[in-house]
Amino acid sequence: MRPGEILPADAPAPRAARGRTATIAIRNAGRFDAYLTSHVRLERASAALEFDRDAVAGARPLLPAGASTRVGAGETVEVEVTWS
């Protein structure tokens, strides 16, 4: 093996352990699309997004690092969130 060499595994990498999860409905009451990114806590999301912010305090969308979910203007989407 050489420094920096990558050895592929026979099986997919295990998912990271996670804490509590839930699925919530988020409605975009604004005129423009809004995006929820993987690293932002939901209480800091756009004010145009309607959901129970107190119930999800400290949670973030359960998405891979760097990913986002689009919520179109006037749309409602279900998003899985995690407290980890």
N, C-alpha and C. Protein backbone atom coordinates (compact mmCIF):
# COMPACT_ATOMS: atom_id res chain seq x y z
N MET A 1 0.85 -1.18 0.00
CA MET A 1 0.00 0.00 0.00
C MET A 1 0.89 1.24 0.00
N ARG A 2 0.53 2.21 -0.83
CA ARG A 2 1.27 3.47 -0.92
C ARG A 2 0.48 4.59 -0.23
N PRO A 3 1.17 5.63 0.23
CA PRO A 3 0.44 6.76 0.83
C PRO A 3 -0.57 7.34 -0.15
N GLY A 4 -1.80 7.54 0.32
CA GLY A 4 -2.86 8.10 -0.51
C GLY A 4 -3.62 7.09 -1.33
N GLU A 5 -3.17 5.84 -1.30
CA GLU A 5 -3.85 4.79 -2.07
C GLU A 5 -5.22 4.51 -1.47
N ILE A 6 -6.19 4.28 -2.32
CA ILE A 6 -7.56 4.00 -1.87
C ILE A 6 -7.87 2.54 -2.14
N LEU A 7 -8.31 1.85 -1.10
CA LEU A 7 -8.68 0.45 -1.23
C LEU A 7 -10.19 0.34 -1.08
N PRO A 8 -10.90 -0.02 -2.15
CA PRO A 8 -12.36 -0.11 -2.05
C PRO A 8 -12.78 -1.29 -1.18
N ALA A 9 -13.87 -1.10 -0.46
CA ALA A 9 -14.41 -2.15 0.40
C ALA A 9 -15.33 -3.05 -0.39
N ASP A 10 -15.61 -4.22 0.17
CA ASP A 10 -16.52 -5.16 -0.48
C ASP A 10 -17.98 -4.78 -0.28
N ALA A 11 -18.26 -3.99 0.75
CA ALA A 11 -19.64 -3.61 1.09
C ALA A 11 -19.71 -2.09 1.23
N PRO A 12 -20.91 -1.51 1.13
CA PRO A 12 -21.04 -0.06 1.33
C PRO A 12 -20.64 0.34 2.74
N ALA A 13 -20.20 1.57 2.89
CA ALA A 13 -19.82 2.08 4.21
C ALA A 13 -21.06 2.14 5.10
N PRO A 14 -20.92 1.82 6.38
CA PRO A 14 -22.07 1.89 7.27
C PRO A 14 -22.49 3.34 7.49
N ARG A 15 -23.79 3.54 7.69
CA ARG A 15 -24.29 4.89 7.98
C ARG A 15 -23.85 5.30 9.37
N ALA A 16 -23.61 6.56 9.53
CA ALA A 16 -23.22 7.08 10.84
C ALA A 16 -24.38 6.92 11.82
N ALA A 17 -24.03 6.69 13.07
CA ALA A 17 -25.07 6.59 14.09
C ALA A 17 -25.78 7.94 14.18
N ARG A 18 -27.08 7.91 14.35
CA ARG A 18 -27.81 9.17 14.44
C ARG A 18 -28.69 9.17 15.67
N GLY A 19 -29.06 10.36 16.05
CA GLY A 19 -29.94 10.51 17.20
C GLY A 19 -31.39 10.39 16.79
N ARG A 20 -32.22 11.08 17.50
CA ARG A 20 -33.66 11.06 17.24
C ARG A 20 -33.95 11.66 15.87
N THR A 21 -34.92 11.09 15.17
CA THR A 21 -35.34 11.62 13.87
C THR A 21 -36.86 11.78 13.84
N ALA A 22 -37.33 12.61 12.92
CA ALA A 22 -38.76 12.82 12.72
C ALA A 22 -38.97 13.31 11.29
N THR A 23 -40.18 13.18 10.80
CA THR A 23 -40.55 13.72 9.50
C THR A 23 -41.55 14.84 9.73
N ILE A 24 -41.27 16.01 9.15
CA ILE A 24 -42.15 17.17 9.35
C ILE A 24 -42.57 17.73 7.99
N ALA A 25 -43.71 18.40 7.98
CA ALA A 25 -44.19 19.09 6.78
C ALA A 25 -43.74 20.55 6.86
N ILE A 26 -43.18 21.04 5.77
CA ILE A 26 -42.72 22.43 5.70
C ILE A 26 -43.39 23.08 4.50
N ARG A 27 -44.05 24.21 4.74
CA ARG A 27 -44.75 24.95 3.67
C ARG A 27 -44.02 26.25 3.39
N ASN A 28 -43.83 26.55 2.12
CA ASN A 28 -43.21 27.80 1.71
C ASN A 28 -44.32 28.80 1.39
N ALA A 29 -44.52 29.78 2.27
CA ALA A 29 -45.54 30.79 2.09
C ALA A 29 -45.01 32.00 1.31
N GLY A 30 -43.76 31.94 0.89
CA GLY A 30 -43.15 33.05 0.18
C GLY A 30 -43.41 33.01 -1.32
N ARG A 31 -42.89 34.03 -2.02
CA ARG A 31 -43.06 34.13 -3.47
C ARG A 31 -41.92 33.47 -4.23
N PHE A 32 -40.87 33.11 -3.54
CA PHE A 32 -39.69 32.55 -4.18
C PHE A 32 -39.35 31.19 -3.59
N ASP A 33 -38.63 30.37 -4.35
CA ASP A 33 -38.18 29.08 -3.84
C ASP A 33 -37.25 29.30 -2.64
N ALA A 34 -37.27 28.35 -1.72
CA ALA A 34 -36.37 28.39 -0.56
C ALA A 34 -35.65 27.05 -0.51
N TYR A 35 -34.47 27.06 0.07
CA TYR A 35 -33.67 25.85 0.17
C TYR A 35 -33.31 25.58 1.62
N LEU A 36 -33.40 24.32 2.00
CA LEU A 36 -32.93 23.87 3.31
C LEU A 36 -31.64 23.11 3.06
N THR A 37 -30.56 23.54 3.69
CA THR A 37 -29.29 22.86 3.49
C THR A 37 -28.97 21.95 4.67
N SER A 38 -28.07 21.02 4.45
CA SER A 38 -27.78 19.98 5.44
C SER A 38 -27.20 20.52 6.74
N HIS A 39 -26.51 21.63 6.72
CA HIS A 39 -25.79 22.10 7.90
C HIS A 39 -26.51 23.17 8.71
N VAL A 40 -27.64 23.68 8.25
CA VAL A 40 -28.32 24.78 8.94
C VAL A 40 -29.42 24.25 9.86
N ARG A 41 -29.42 24.70 11.10
CA ARG A 41 -30.47 24.33 12.04
C ARG A 41 -31.79 24.93 11.55
N LEU A 42 -32.87 24.20 11.72
CA LEU A 42 -34.16 24.61 11.16
C LEU A 42 -34.68 25.92 11.74
N GLU A 43 -34.36 26.22 12.99
CA GLU A 43 -34.87 27.48 13.55
C GLU A 43 -34.25 28.69 12.86
N ARG A 44 -33.18 28.50 12.08
CA ARG A 44 -32.56 29.60 11.34
C ARG A 44 -32.97 29.62 9.87
N ALA A 45 -33.90 28.76 9.49
CA ALA A 45 -34.36 28.69 8.10
C ALA A 45 -35.15 29.95 7.74
N SER A 46 -35.38 30.15 6.47
CA SER A 46 -36.11 31.30 5.95
C SER A 46 -37.44 31.50 6.69
N ALA A 47 -37.75 32.75 6.98
CA ALA A 47 -39.01 33.08 7.65
C ALA A 47 -40.22 32.74 6.79
N ALA A 48 -40.04 32.59 5.49
CA ALA A 48 -41.15 32.23 4.60
C ALA A 48 -41.57 30.77 4.77
N LEU A 49 -40.72 29.97 5.40
CA LEU A 49 -41.04 28.56 5.60
C LEU A 49 -41.86 28.40 6.88
N GLU A 50 -43.02 27.76 6.73
CA GLU A 50 -43.93 27.59 7.86
C GLU A 50 -43.87 26.17 8.40
N PHE A 51 -43.51 26.04 9.67
CA PHE A 51 -43.50 24.78 10.40
C PHE A 51 -43.34 25.12 11.87
N ASP A 52 -43.53 24.15 12.75
CA ASP A 52 -43.44 24.38 14.19
C ASP A 52 -41.97 24.47 14.59
N ARG A 53 -41.45 25.68 14.64
CA ARG A 53 -40.02 25.89 14.93
C ARG A 53 -39.65 25.46 16.35
N ASP A 54 -40.56 25.63 17.30
CA ASP A 54 -40.26 25.21 18.67
C ASP A 54 -40.11 23.69 18.76
N ALA A 55 -40.91 22.96 18.01
CA ALA A 55 -40.87 21.49 18.06
C ALA A 55 -39.59 20.92 17.47
N VAL A 56 -38.94 21.65 16.59
CA VAL A 56 -37.73 21.14 15.94
C VAL A 56 -36.48 21.94 16.33
N ALA A 57 -36.52 22.61 17.47
CA ALA A 57 -35.37 23.38 17.92
C ALA A 57 -34.14 22.47 18.01
N GLY A 58 -33.06 22.89 17.39
CA GLY A 58 -31.82 22.12 17.40
C GLY A 58 -31.72 21.07 16.31
N ALA A 59 -32.77 20.87 15.53
CA ALA A 59 -32.76 19.85 14.48
C ALA A 59 -32.25 20.45 13.17
N ARG A 60 -31.81 19.56 12.30
CA ARG A 60 -31.39 19.95 10.95
C ARG A 60 -31.91 18.91 9.98
N PRO A 61 -32.02 19.25 8.70
CA PRO A 61 -32.49 18.26 7.73
C PRO A 61 -31.53 17.07 7.67
N LEU A 62 -32.07 15.88 7.55
CA LEU A 62 -31.25 14.67 7.46
C LEU A 62 -30.87 14.47 5.99
N LEU A 63 -29.80 15.15 5.60
CA LEU A 63 -29.30 15.13 4.22
C LEU A 63 -27.80 14.88 4.24
N PRO A 64 -27.24 14.35 3.17
CA PRO A 64 -25.78 14.22 3.10
C PRO A 64 -25.12 15.60 3.17
N ALA A 65 -23.89 15.65 3.64
CA ALA A 65 -23.16 16.91 3.75
C ALA A 65 -23.15 17.64 2.42
N GLY A 66 -23.49 18.93 2.46
CA GLY A 66 -23.49 19.76 1.27
C GLY A 66 -24.75 19.69 0.42
N ALA A 67 -25.68 18.82 0.78
CA ALA A 67 -26.92 18.67 0.00
C ALA A 67 -27.97 19.67 0.47
N SER A 68 -29.01 19.85 -0.33
CA SER A 68 -30.11 20.75 0.04
C SER A 68 -31.42 20.21 -0.51
N THR A 69 -32.50 20.73 0.06
CA THR A 69 -33.85 20.40 -0.38
C THR A 69 -34.53 21.69 -0.81
N ARG A 70 -35.12 21.69 -2.00
CA ARG A 70 -35.82 22.88 -2.49
C ARG A 70 -37.28 22.81 -2.08
N VAL A 71 -37.79 23.94 -1.59
CA VAL A 71 -39.21 24.08 -1.27
C VAL A 71 -39.72 25.19 -2.17
N GLY A 72 -40.46 24.82 -3.19
CA GLY A 72 -40.96 25.80 -4.15
C GLY A 72 -41.99 26.74 -3.54
N ALA A 73 -42.14 27.91 -4.13
CA ALA A 73 -43.12 28.88 -3.65
C ALA A 73 -44.50 28.25 -3.63
N GLY A 74 -45.17 28.32 -2.48
CA GLY A 74 -46.51 27.78 -2.34
C GLY A 74 -46.57 26.27 -2.14
N GLU A 75 -45.44 25.59 -2.15
CA GLU A 75 -45.41 24.14 -2.00
C GLU A 75 -45.24 23.72 -0.55
N THR A 76 -45.66 22.48 -0.27
CA THR A 76 -45.42 21.85 1.02
C THR A 76 -44.64 20.57 0.76
N VAL A 77 -43.56 20.38 1.50
CA VAL A 77 -42.74 19.17 1.36
C VAL A 77 -42.57 18.52 2.72
N GLU A 78 -42.35 17.21 2.71
CA GLU A 78 -42.03 16.50 3.94
C GLU A 78 -40.53 16.32 3.99
N VAL A 79 -39.96 16.64 5.14
CA VAL A 79 -38.51 16.59 5.31
C VAL A 79 -38.19 15.76 6.55
N GLU A 80 -37.24 14.84 6.41
CA GLU A 80 -36.78 14.09 7.57
C GLU A 80 -35.72 14.93 8.28
N VAL A 81 -35.86 15.07 9.59
CA VAL A 81 -34.94 15.89 10.37
C VAL A 81 -34.30 15.04 11.46
N THR A 82 -33.16 15.50 11.96
CA THR A 82 -32.45 14.78 13.01
C THR A 82 -31.90 15.73 14.06
N TRP A 83 -31.81 15.22 15.26
CA TRP A 83 -31.16 15.93 16.36
C TRP A 83 -29.91 15.12 16.67
N SER A 84 -28.81 15.46 16.04
CA SER A 84 -27.58 14.69 16.28
C SER A 84 -26.41 15.61 16.49
